[in-house]
Amino acid sequence: MCADDRGLLWLSGLAVVMLWVNSALSVYDTNFFFVVRPPVEGLPLLNLDHGWHVYFLTVVGIGLVALTSVHLPTMLRERRSHSKMK
């Protein structure tokens, strides 16, 4: 079994576990899938005032900004080290 197959197997297993945990905790009216609805009412940025599509794009945008801010220092460091080698 190659690494790609193992990774896909892990991701599939985690998706099943995530669905199970979310459904098990739905008894307490919790929602860990913020794509479906906002986590709480009255949030200034994550609300359904402008429709579901705007809410979904806002969640995706926040994710992209968070991912970029995590990876940006490493990318800049690599770029600086490659430019010094030339």
Protein backbone atom coordinates (compact mmCIF):
# COMPACT_ATOMS: atom_id res chain seq x y z
CA MET A 1 0.00 0.00 0.00
CA CYS A 2 1.56 3.28 -1.08
CA ALA A 3 1.54 6.52 0.90
CA ASP A 4 -1.24 8.03 -1.21
CA ASP A 5 -3.53 5.10 -0.46
CA ARG A 6 -2.79 5.27 3.25
CA GLY A 7 -3.48 9.02 3.27
CA LEU A 8 -6.75 8.54 1.46
CA LEU A 9 -7.71 5.78 3.88
CA TRP A 10 -6.92 8.03 6.86
CA LEU A 11 -8.92 10.93 5.43
CA SER A 12 -11.90 8.68 4.72
CA GLY A 13 -11.79 7.26 8.21
CA LEU A 14 -11.57 10.72 9.76
CA ALA A 15 -14.54 11.89 7.68
CA VAL A 16 -16.64 9.01 9.02
CA VAL A 17 -15.55 9.72 12.60
CA MET A 18 -16.27 13.44 12.14
CA LEU A 19 -19.78 12.69 10.89
CA TRP A 20 -20.39 10.30 13.75
CA VAL A 21 -19.18 12.76 16.42
CA ASN A 22 -21.25 15.60 14.98
CA SER A 23 -24.38 13.46 14.87
CA ALA A 24 -23.75 12.07 18.37
CA LEU A 25 -23.43 15.59 19.78
CA SER A 26 -26.46 16.92 17.90
CA VAL A 27 -28.51 15.92 20.96
CA TYR A 28 -27.04 19.04 22.64
CA ASP A 29 -27.88 21.23 19.59
CA THR A 30 -24.23 21.62 18.61
CA ASN A 31 -22.95 21.99 15.09
CA PHE A 32 -19.32 21.50 14.16
CA PHE A 33 -20.00 21.85 10.44
CA PHE A 34 -19.95 25.64 10.11
CA VAL A 35 -20.57 25.25 6.38
CA VAL A 36 -24.19 24.34 7.08
CA ARG A 37 -25.00 27.21 9.44
CA PRO A 38 -23.09 29.69 11.62
CA PRO A 39 -21.84 28.36 14.96
CA VAL A 40 -23.76 31.00 16.95
CA GLU A 41 -26.20 33.76 16.07
CA GLY A 42 -25.19 37.41 15.86
CA LEU A 43 -21.63 37.10 14.56
CA PRO A 44 -20.62 40.21 12.60
CA LEU A 45 -18.84 38.43 9.73
CA LEU A 46 -20.26 34.90 9.74
CA ASN A 47 -23.99 35.41 9.39
CA LEU A 48 -26.68 34.46 6.93
CA ASP A 49 -27.93 38.03 6.31
CA HIS A 50 -26.71 38.05 2.70
CA GLY A 51 -27.50 34.44 1.89
CA TRP A 52 -25.89 31.05 2.16
CA HIS A 53 -23.53 31.57 -0.79
CA VAL A 54 -21.95 34.68 0.75
CA TYR A 55 -21.60 32.85 4.07
CA PHE A 56 -19.89 29.90 2.35
CA LEU A 57 -17.48 32.17 0.44
CA THR A 58 -16.66 33.99 3.69
CA VAL A 59 -15.81 30.68 5.40
CA VAL A 60 -13.63 29.69 2.43
CA GLY A 61 -11.94 33.12 2.46
CA ILE A 62 -11.18 32.91 6.17
CA GLY A 63 -9.69 29.46 5.61
CA LEU A 64 -7.49 30.72 2.77
CA VAL A 65 -6.25 33.66 4.82
CA ALA A 66 -5.50 31.38 7.79
CA LEU A 67 -3.68 28.86 5.62
CA THR A 68 -1.65 31.58 3.90
CA SER A 69 -0.68 33.19 7.19
CA VAL A 70 0.54 29.84 8.51
CA HIS A 71 2.61 28.99 5.42
CA LEU A 72 3.84 32.47 4.46
CA PRO A 73 6.85 32.65 6.83
CA THR A 74 8.20 29.33 5.56
CA MET A 75 7.66 30.34 1.94
CA LEU A 76 9.47 33.65 2.45
CA ARG A 77 12.35 31.93 4.25
CA GLU A 78 12.74 29.44 1.39
CA ARG A 79 12.65 32.21 -1.18
CA ARG A 80 15.34 34.17 0.69
CA SER A 81 17.59 31.13 0.99
CA HIS A 82 17.25 30.37 -2.74
CA SER A 83 18.00 33.97 -3.71
CA LYS A 84 21.19 33.96 -1.56
CA MET A 85 22.43 30.80 -3.30
CA LYS A 86 22.40 32.45 -6.74
